[in-house]
């Protein structure tokens, strides 16, 4: 009886996050992302990202109201982050918006083909290499930018850019 009460309080205190496999996977993916970051401000920018704080309260993380505990938006624009993007971000399968623009992220873009819900991705002004898979929700805005420039590394006629506010814009010629 006492154990049941403790489990009930734990679930209520965390918003039912840690009892679901998908939300635990989302939290672990975010922690792996943080671990890969080696920027000059990671402790300040991601200081709330720890296991003692429910991840729906972490800076830049927005969770679904339909699917409690599932990450749908990750907005870490201009946070002084550097290092590679963790491939575990691919485990955020309900992610709709990813904004990591204006950081110093580098290396190869990890596989993102499991992010079927992704609608907006902004990686502007980073030093990333690679392409964004065409299988990602092709009706939405996608562009991979070179660092400190607003021009794509690779463009195709089916891609449109996204502004920082999330509204589509046409690529400049």
Protein backbone atom coordinates (compact mmCIF):
# COMPACT_ATOMS: atom_id res chain seq x y z
CA UNK A 1 0.00 0.00 0.00
CA UNK A 2 2.77 2.44 0.95
CA UNK A 3 4.71 1.54 -2.22
CA UNK A 4 1.62 2.15 -4.37
CA UNK A 5 1.12 5.55 -2.77
CA UNK A 6 4.77 6.46 -3.38
CA UNK A 7 4.52 5.44 -7.05
CA UNK A 8 1.31 7.44 -7.46
CA UNK A 9 2.94 10.55 -5.98
CA UNK A 10 6.00 10.08 -8.20
CA UNK A 11 3.87 9.90 -11.35
CA UNK A 12 1.83 12.95 -10.34
CA UNK A 13 4.94 14.93 -9.45
CA UNK A 14 6.56 14.31 -12.81
CA UNK A 15 3.49 14.78 -14.96
CA UNK A 16 3.38 11.07 -15.85
CA UNK A 17 6.66 11.40 -17.71
CA UNK A 18 8.87 8.76 -16.27
CA UNK A 19 6.31 5.97 -16.38
CA UNK A 20 6.18 5.87 -20.20
CA UNK A 21 8.83 4.23 -22.35
CA UNK A 22 8.67 6.89 -25.06
CA UNK A 23 9.06 9.80 -22.67
CA UNK A 24 12.02 8.09 -20.99
CA UNK A 25 13.54 7.66 -24.45
CA UNK A 26 12.96 11.35 -25.15
CA UNK A 27 14.66 12.33 -21.89
CA UNK A 28 17.66 10.06 -22.60
CA UNK A 29 17.96 11.48 -26.14
CA UNK A 30 18.10 15.00 -24.73
CA UNK A 31 20.68 14.03 -22.10
CA UNK A 32 22.83 12.43 -24.83
CA UNK A 33 22.52 15.64 -26.87
CA UNK A 34 23.72 17.64 -23.84
CA UNK A 35 26.63 15.25 -23.29
CA UNK A 36 27.84 15.79 -26.88
CA UNK A 37 27.82 19.59 -26.46
CA UNK A 38 31.14 21.17 -25.51
CA UNK A 39 30.36 24.86 -25.97
CA UNK A 40 31.53 27.82 -23.96
CA UNK A 41 28.12 28.17 -22.24
CA UNK A 42 26.70 24.65 -21.98
CA UNK A 43 26.39 24.76 -18.22
CA UNK A 44 24.47 28.04 -18.35
CA UNK A 45 22.41 27.28 -21.44
CA UNK A 46 21.56 23.72 -20.44
CA UNK A 47 21.88 24.02 -16.66
CA UNK A 48 18.26 22.95 -16.16
CA UNK A 49 18.93 19.76 -18.13
CA UNK A 50 19.51 17.28 -15.31
CA UNK A 51 17.75 14.25 -13.88
CA UNK A 52 16.54 16.13 -10.80
CA UNK A 53 14.38 18.43 -12.96
CA UNK A 54 11.54 16.95 -15.06
CA UNK A 55 12.59 17.36 -18.68
CA UNK A 56 9.38 19.16 -19.67
CA UNK A 57 10.78 22.05 -17.58
CA UNK A 58 14.16 22.12 -19.34
CA UNK A 59 15.12 25.25 -21.27
CA UNK A 60 14.15 25.02 -24.94
CA UNK A 61 12.11 21.82 -24.56
CA UNK A 62 8.39 21.85 -25.30
CA UNK A 63 6.26 18.75 -24.84
CA UNK A 64 3.04 17.62 -26.46
CA UNK A 65 -0.31 18.19 -24.79
CA UNK A 66 -1.77 15.23 -26.73
CA UNK A 67 1.06 12.86 -25.78
CA UNK A 68 2.27 13.91 -22.32
CA UNK A 69 6.01 13.67 -21.88
CA UNK A 70 6.80 13.57 -25.60
CA UNK A 71 9.06 16.30 -26.98
CA UNK A 72 7.56 18.18 -29.94
CA UNK A 73 9.80 21.27 -30.06
CA UNK A 74 13.47 21.80 -29.31
CA UNK A 75 14.44 25.48 -29.53
CA UNK A 76 18.05 26.22 -28.56
CA UNK A 77 18.69 29.16 -30.88
CA UNK A 78 21.84 31.26 -30.16
CA UNK A 79 22.91 29.49 -26.95
CA UNK A 80 26.68 29.28 -27.54
CA UNK A 81 26.53 25.52 -27.97
CA UNK A 82 29.30 23.73 -29.83
CA UNK A 83 30.17 20.19 -30.71
CA UNK A 84 28.39 17.52 -32.72
CA UNK A 85 24.66 16.90 -32.81
CA UNK A 86 23.95 13.62 -31.06
CA UNK A 87 22.42 10.92 -33.28
CA UNK A 88 20.06 10.18 -30.39
CA UNK A 89 17.99 13.22 -31.39
CA UNK A 90 16.56 10.79 -33.94
CA UNK A 91 14.74 9.13 -31.02
CA UNK A 92 12.54 12.21 -30.57
CA UNK A 93 10.01 10.67 -32.96
CA UNK A 94 7.26 13.25 -32.29
CA UNK A 95 9.58 16.24 -32.76
CA UNK A 96 7.89 18.84 -35.01
CA UNK A 97 10.33 21.76 -34.69
CA UNK A 98 14.10 21.73 -34.31
CA UNK A 99 15.87 25.08 -34.00
CA UNK A 100 19.60 24.86 -33.26
CA UNK A 101 20.50 27.92 -35.32
CA UNK A 102 23.25 30.44 -34.49
CA UNK A 103 25.38 28.09 -32.39
CA UNK A 104 28.76 26.56 -33.16
CA UNK A 105 27.59 23.02 -33.82
CA UNK A 106 29.91 21.07 -36.08
CA UNK A 107 30.46 17.72 -37.68
CA UNK A 108 28.23 15.50 -39.71
CA UNK A 109 24.48 15.87 -39.46
CA UNK A 110 23.22 12.64 -37.83
CA UNK A 111 20.49 10.51 -39.42
CA UNK A 112 17.13 12.18 -38.86
CA UNK A 113 14.99 9.81 -40.94
CA UNK A 114 13.00 8.65 -37.88
CA UNK A 115 11.68 12.19 -37.33
CA UNK A 116 8.53 11.70 -39.44
CA UNK A 117 6.65 14.50 -37.64
CA UNK A 118 9.38 17.11 -38.27
CA UNK A 119 7.92 20.21 -39.92
CA UNK A 120 10.53 22.92 -39.30
CA UNK A 121 14.28 22.54 -38.99
CA UNK A 122 16.60 25.53 -38.61
CA UNK A 123 20.32 24.77 -38.43
CA UNK A 124 21.49 28.14 -39.75
CA UNK A 125 24.90 29.51 -38.81
CA UNK A 126 26.53 26.27 -37.68
CA UNK A 127 29.40 24.26 -39.19
CA UNK A 128 27.42 21.15 -40.08
CA UNK A 129 28.04 18.82 -43.01
CA UNK A 130 25.57 16.52 -44.70
CA UNK A 131 22.08 16.71 -46.05
CA UNK A 132 18.65 16.61 -44.56
CA UNK A 133 16.91 13.42 -45.72
CA UNK A 134 14.25 14.02 -48.35
CA UNK A 135 11.97 11.50 -46.65
CA UNK A 136 11.25 13.97 -43.85
CA UNK A 137 7.72 15.30 -44.23
CA UNK A 138 8.48 16.76 -47.72
CA UNK A 139 5.74 19.40 -47.67
CA UNK A 140 7.48 21.44 -44.99
CA UNK A 141 10.37 23.86 -44.85
CA UNK A 142 13.89 22.44 -44.63
CA UNK A 143 17.30 23.85 -45.29
CA UNK A 144 20.81 23.07 -44.13
CA UNK A 145 22.80 26.27 -43.78
CA UNK A 146 26.50 27.03 -43.83
CA UNK A 147 27.91 28.85 -40.79
CA UNK A 148 27.40 32.64 -40.68
CA UNK A 149 25.60 32.63 -44.03
CA UNK A 150 21.96 32.46 -44.98
CA UNK A 151 22.61 30.32 -48.04
CA UNK A 152 22.01 26.57 -48.17
CA UNK A 153 24.76 24.00 -48.59
CA UNK A 154 22.43 22.07 -50.83
CA UNK A 155 19.16 23.09 -52.40
CA UNK A 156 16.52 21.25 -54.37
CA UNK A 157 13.27 22.49 -55.82
CA UNK A 158 11.26 20.70 -53.13
CA UNK A 159 13.02 22.53 -50.25
CA UNK A 160 12.04 25.87 -48.83
CA UNK A 161 13.80 27.76 -46.07
CA UNK A 162 12.32 28.49 -42.70
CA UNK A 163 12.57 31.73 -40.84
CA UNK A 164 13.49 31.78 -37.18
CA UNK A 165 9.83 32.42 -36.40
CA UNK A 166 8.92 29.17 -38.15
CA UNK A 167 7.07 30.59 -41.15
CA UNK A 168 8.17 29.43 -44.59
CA UNK A 169 10.13 31.68 -46.94
CA UNK A 170 11.46 31.05 -50.39
CA UNK A 171 15.22 30.56 -50.81
CA UNK A 172 17.10 33.54 -52.17
CA UNK A 173 18.55 33.15 -55.63
